[in-house]
Amino acid sequence: MSEEQYSKLRNATLPELLNFEAHDVIEWLKGQGYFMGEAVAKQCYQHLASQ
């Protein structure tokens, strides 16, 4: 992942993360704390449930 992509992910809000490619978000999450993975999973669940 390029530094530019990493920077965009780092500065995105949780709802904005849904607009990125899943593989990029997953790669970014590898370097984040467990809590961030849980927050992203919860945001994805809420988005899917609202559709």
PDB file of N, CA and C in Angstrom:
ATOM      1  N   MET A   1       0.845  -1.158   0.000  1.00  0.00           N
ATOM      2  CA  MET A   1       0.000   0.000   0.000  1.00  0.00           C
ATOM      3  C   MET A   1       0.902   1.236   0.000  1.00  0.00           C
ATOM      4  N   SER A   2       0.535   2.208  -0.810  1.00  0.00           N
ATOM      5  CA  SER A   2       1.351   3.418  -0.898  1.00  0.00           C
ATOM      6  C   SER A   2       1.136   4.283   0.342  1.00  0.00           C
ATOM      7  N   GLU A   3       2.053   5.179   0.564  1.00  0.00           N
ATOM      8  CA  GLU A   3       1.957   6.105   1.687  1.00  0.00           C
ATOM      9  C   GLU A   3       0.710   6.990   1.549  1.00  0.00           C
ATOM     10  N   GLU A   4       0.372   7.342   0.320  1.00  0.00           N
ATOM     11  CA  GLU A   4      -0.813   8.161   0.069  1.00  0.00           C
ATOM     12  C   GLU A   4      -2.085   7.415   0.478  1.00  0.00           C
ATOM     13  N   GLN A   5      -2.186   6.141   0.095  1.00  0.00           N
ATOM     14  CA  GLN A   5      -3.354   5.339   0.466  1.00  0.00           C
ATOM     15  C   GLN A   5      -3.440   5.174   1.986  1.00  0.00           C
ATOM     16  N   TYR A   6      -2.296   4.906   2.594  1.00  0.00           N
ATOM     17  CA  TYR A   6      -2.250   4.736   4.048  1.00  0.00           C
ATOM     18  C   TYR A   6      -2.707   6.011   4.737  1.00  0.00           C
ATOM     19  N   SER A   7      -2.255   7.139   4.244  1.00  0.00           N
ATOM     20  CA  SER A   7      -2.624   8.426   4.819  1.00  0.00           C
ATOM     21  C   SER A   7      -4.123   8.684   4.696  1.00  0.00           C
ATOM     22  N   LYS A   8      -4.696   8.348   3.536  1.00  0.00           N
ATOM     23  CA  LYS A   8      -6.136   8.532   3.344  1.00  0.00           C
ATOM     24  C   LYS A   8      -6.923   7.664   4.316  1.00  0.00           C
ATOM     25  N   LEU A   9      -6.497   6.435   4.511  1.00  0.00           N
ATOM     26  CA  LEU A   9      -7.175   5.542   5.450  1.00  0.00           C
ATOM     27  C   LEU A   9      -7.035   6.040   6.880  1.00  0.00           C
ATOM     28  N   ARG A  10      -5.860   6.486   7.223  1.00  0.00           N
ATOM     29  CA  ARG A  10      -5.594   6.959   8.580  1.00  0.00           C
ATOM     30  C   ARG A  10      -6.461   8.162   8.923  1.00  0.00           C
ATOM     31  N   ASN A  11      -6.735   9.018   7.945  1.00  0.00           N
ATOM     32  CA  ASN A  11      -7.483  10.242   8.184  1.00  0.00           C
ATOM     33  C   ASN A  11      -8.983  10.105   7.944  1.00  0.00           C
ATOM     34  N   ALA A  12      -9.421   8.939   7.513  1.00  0.00           N
ATOM     35  CA  ALA A  12     -10.839   8.726   7.206  1.00  0.00           C
ATOM     36  C   ALA A  12     -11.645   8.495   8.482  1.00  0.00           C
ATOM     37  N   THR A  13     -12.905   8.872   8.425  1.00  0.00           N
ATOM     38  CA  THR A  13     -13.821   8.548   9.512  1.00  0.00           C
ATOM     39  C   THR A  13     -14.310   7.116   9.305  1.00  0.00           C
ATOM     40  N   LEU A  14     -14.928   6.547  10.323  1.00  0.00           N
ATOM     41  CA  LEU A  14     -15.423   5.175  10.192  1.00  0.00           C
ATOM     42  C   LEU A  14     -16.390   5.012   9.020  1.00  0.00           C
ATOM     43  N   PRO A  15     -17.374   5.883   8.855  1.00  0.00           N
ATOM     44  CA  PRO A  15     -18.269   5.715   7.698  1.00  0.00           C
ATOM     45  C   PRO A  15     -17.540   5.834   6.357  1.00  0.00           C
ATOM     46  N   GLU A  16     -16.505   6.645   6.292  1.00  0.00           N
ATOM     47  CA  GLU A  16     -15.745   6.807   5.047  1.00  0.00           C
ATOM     48  C   GLU A  16     -14.962   5.552   4.689  1.00  0.00           C
ATOM     49  N   LEU A  17     -14.598   4.755   5.684  1.00  0.00           N
ATOM     50  CA  LEU A  17     -13.836   3.532   5.415  1.00  0.00           C
ATOM     51  C   LEU A  17     -14.609   2.559   4.534  1.00  0.00           C
ATOM     52  N   LEU A  18     -15.941   2.664   4.549  1.00  0.00           N
ATOM     53  CA  LEU A  18     -16.757   1.786   3.720  1.00  0.00           C
ATOM     54  C   LEU A  18     -16.575   2.064   2.235  1.00  0.00           C
ATOM     55  N   ASN A  19     -16.008   3.211   1.893  1.00  0.00           N
ATOM     56  CA  ASN A  19     -15.816   3.593   0.494  1.00  0.00           C
ATOM     57  C   ASN A  19     -14.469   3.122  -0.075  1.00  0.00           C
ATOM     58  N   PHE A  20     -13.621   2.554   0.770  1.00  0.00           N
ATOM     59  CA  PHE A  20     -12.316   2.080   0.326  1.00  0.00           C
ATOM     60  C   PHE A  20     -12.407   0.603  -0.056  1.00  0.00           C
ATOM     61  N   GLU A  21     -11.444   0.148  -0.824  1.00  0.00           N
ATOM     62  CA  GLU A  21     -11.358  -1.272  -1.170  1.00  0.00           C
ATOM     63  C   GLU A  21     -11.132  -2.081   0.110  1.00  0.00           C
ATOM     64  N   ALA A  22     -11.842  -3.193   0.232  1.00  0.00           N
ATOM     65  CA  ALA A  22     -11.766  -4.009   1.443  1.00  0.00           C
ATOM     66  C   ALA A  22     -10.336  -4.473   1.726  1.00  0.00           C
ATOM     67  N   HIS A  23      -9.598  -4.874   0.691  1.00  0.00           N
ATOM     68  CA  HIS A  23      -8.238  -5.376   0.928  1.00  0.00           C
ATOM     69  C   HIS A  23      -7.328  -4.273   1.471  1.00  0.00           C
ATOM     70  N   ASP A  24      -7.556  -3.020   1.070  1.00  0.00           N
ATOM     71  CA  ASP A  24      -6.757  -1.913   1.600  1.00  0.00           C
ATOM     72  C   ASP A  24      -7.083  -1.670   3.070  1.00  0.00           C
ATOM     73  N   VAL A  25      -8.371  -1.714   3.405  1.00  0.00           N
ATOM     74  CA  VAL A  25      -8.779  -1.509   4.804  1.00  0.00           C
ATOM     75  C   VAL A  25      -8.231  -2.633   5.679  1.00  0.00           C
ATOM     76  N   ILE A  26      -8.315  -3.856   5.194  1.00  0.00           N
ATOM     77  CA  ILE A  26      -7.802  -4.996   5.965  1.00  0.00           C
ATOM     78  C   ILE A  26      -6.299  -4.871   6.179  1.00  0.00           C
ATOM     79  N   GLU A  27      -5.560  -4.496   5.142  1.00  0.00           N
ATOM     80  CA  GLU A  27      -4.113  -4.322   5.286  1.00  0.00           C
ATOM     81  C   GLU A  27      -3.805  -3.216   6.286  1.00  0.00           C
ATOM     82  N   TRP A  28      -4.557  -2.124   6.226  1.00  0.00           N
ATOM     83  CA  TRP A  28      -4.364  -1.010   7.153  1.00  0.00           C
ATOM     84  C   TRP A  28      -4.672  -1.447   8.584  1.00  0.00           C
ATOM     85  N   LEU A  29      -5.717  -2.259   8.750  1.00  0.00           N
ATOM     86  CA  LEU A  29      -6.112  -2.707  10.086  1.00  0.00           C
ATOM     87  C   LEU A  29      -5.053  -3.588  10.746  1.00  0.00           C
ATOM     88  N   LYS A  30      -4.229  -4.246   9.947  1.00  0.00           N
ATOM     89  CA  LYS A  30      -3.183  -5.097  10.513  1.00  0.00           C
ATOM     90  C   LYS A  30      -2.250  -4.309  11.432  1.00  0.00           C
ATOM     91  N   GLY A  31      -2.080  -3.027  11.146  1.00  0.00           N
ATOM     92  CA  GLY A  31      -1.198  -2.194  11.964  1.00  0.00           C
ATOM     93  C   GLY A  31      -1.916  -1.405  13.041  1.00  0.00           C
ATOM     94  N   GLN A  32      -3.208  -1.649  13.197  1.00  0.00           N
ATOM     95  CA  GLN A  32      -4.010  -0.917  14.173  1.00  0.00           C
ATOM     96  C   GLN A  32      -4.310  -1.813  15.372  1.00  0.00           C
ATOM     97  N   GLY A  33      -4.809  -1.199  16.407  1.00  0.00           N
ATOM     98  CA  GLY A  33      -5.190  -1.951  17.594  1.00  0.00           C
ATOM     99  C   GLY A  33      -6.457  -2.758  17.360  1.00  0.00           C
ATOM    100  N   TYR A  34      -6.678  -3.726  18.232  1.00  0.00           N
ATOM    101  CA  TYR A  34      -7.844  -4.596  18.145  1.00  0.00           C
ATOM    102  C   TYR A  34      -9.141  -3.796  18.147  1.00  0.00           C
ATOM    103  N   PHE A  35      -9.155  -2.720  18.932  1.00  0.00           N
ATOM    104  CA  PHE A  35     -10.359  -1.900  19.051  1.00  0.00           C
ATOM    105  C   PHE A  35     -10.773  -1.301  17.713  1.00  0.00           C
ATOM    106  N   MET A  36      -9.796  -0.983  16.862  1.00  0.00           N
ATOM    107  CA  MET A  36     -10.116  -0.378  15.566  1.00  0.00           C
ATOM    108  C   MET A  36     -10.782  -1.409  14.653  1.00  0.00           C
ATOM    109  N   GLY A  37     -10.304  -2.632  14.678  1.00  0.00           N
ATOM    110  CA  GLY A  37     -10.931  -3.694  13.900  1.00  0.00           C
ATOM    111  C   GLY A  37     -12.370  -3.917  14.333  1.00  0.00           C
ATOM    112  N   GLU A  38     -12.602  -3.879  15.636  1.00  0.00           N
ATOM    113  CA  GLU A  38     -13.961  -4.034  16.145  1.00  0.00           C
ATOM    114  C   GLU A  38     -14.840  -2.865  15.711  1.00  0.00           C
ATOM    115  N   ALA A  39     -14.309  -1.666  15.734  1.00  0.00           N
ATOM    116  CA  ALA A  39     -15.080  -0.489  15.335  1.00  0.00           C
ATOM    117  C   ALA A  39     -15.451  -0.559  13.853  1.00  0.00           C
ATOM    118  N   VAL A  40     -14.517  -0.993  13.023  1.00  0.00           N
ATOM    119  CA  VAL A  40     -14.784  -1.112  11.585  1.00  0.00           C
ATOM    120  C   VAL A  40     -15.812  -2.211  11.338  1.00  0.00           C
ATOM    121  N   ALA A  41     -15.676  -3.330  12.029  1.00  0.00           N
ATOM    122  CA  ALA A  41     -16.644  -4.419  11.869  1.00  0.00           C
ATOM    123  C   ALA A  41     -18.037  -3.967  12.282  1.00  0.00           C
ATOM    124  N   LYS A  42     -18.144  -3.227  13.368  1.00  0.00           N
ATOM    125  CA  LYS A  42     -19.438  -2.724  13.823  1.00  0.00           C
ATOM    126  C   LYS A  42     -20.026  -1.755  12.805  1.00  0.00           C
ATOM    127  N   GLN A  43     -19.193  -0.890  12.242  1.00  0.00           N
ATOM    128  CA  GLN A  43     -19.667   0.063  11.236  1.00  0.00           C
ATOM    129  C   GLN A  43     -20.176  -0.676  10.000  1.00  0.00           C
ATOM    130  N   CYS A  44     -19.467  -1.712   9.578  1.00  0.00           N
ATOM    131  CA  CYS A  44     -19.903  -2.513   8.430  1.00  0.00           C
ATOM    132  C   CYS A  44     -21.235  -3.195   8.722  1.00  0.00           C
ATOM    133  N   TYR A  45     -21.382  -3.747   9.907  1.00  0.00           N
ATOM    134  CA  TYR A  45     -22.620  -4.412  10.300  1.00  0.00           C
ATOM    135  C   TYR A  45     -23.783  -3.429  10.281  1.00  0.00           C
ATOM    136  N   GLN A  46     -23.578  -2.248  10.843  1.00  0.00           N
ATOM    137  CA  GLN A  46     -24.637  -1.239  10.887  1.00  0.00           C
ATOM    138  C   GLN A  46     -25.025  -0.801   9.468  1.00  0.00           C
ATOM    139  N   HIS A  47     -24.050  -0.667   8.623  1.00  0.00           N
ATOM    140  CA  HIS A  47     -24.321  -0.270   7.230  1.00  0.00           C
ATOM    141  C   HIS A  47     -25.147  -1.346   6.526  1.00  0.00           C
ATOM    142  N   LEU A  48     -24.763  -2.588   6.688  1.00  0.00           N
ATOM    143  CA  LEU A  48     -25.491  -3.677   6.043  1.00  0.00           C
ATOM    144  C   LEU A  48     -26.908  -3.830   6.608  1.00  0.00           C
ATOM    145  N   ALA A  49     -27.055  -3.637   7.906  1.00  0.00           N
ATOM    146  CA  ALA A  49     -28.352  -3.779   8.543  1.00  0.00           C
ATOM    147  C   ALA A  49     -29.321  -2.674   8.114  1.00  0.00           C
ATOM    148  N   SER A  50     -28.788  -1.535   7.738  1.00  0.00           N
ATOM    149  CA  SER A  50     -29.649  -0.412   7.363  1.00  0.00           C
ATOM    150  C   SER A  50     -30.097  -0.481   5.904  1.00  0.00           C
ATOM    151  N   GLN A  51     -29.579  -1.412   5.149  1.00  0.00           N
ATOM    152  CA  GLN A  51     -29.939  -1.505   3.735  1.00  0.00           C
ATOM    153  C   GLN A  51     -31.190  -2.308   3.536  1.00  0.00           C
TER     154      GLN A  51
END
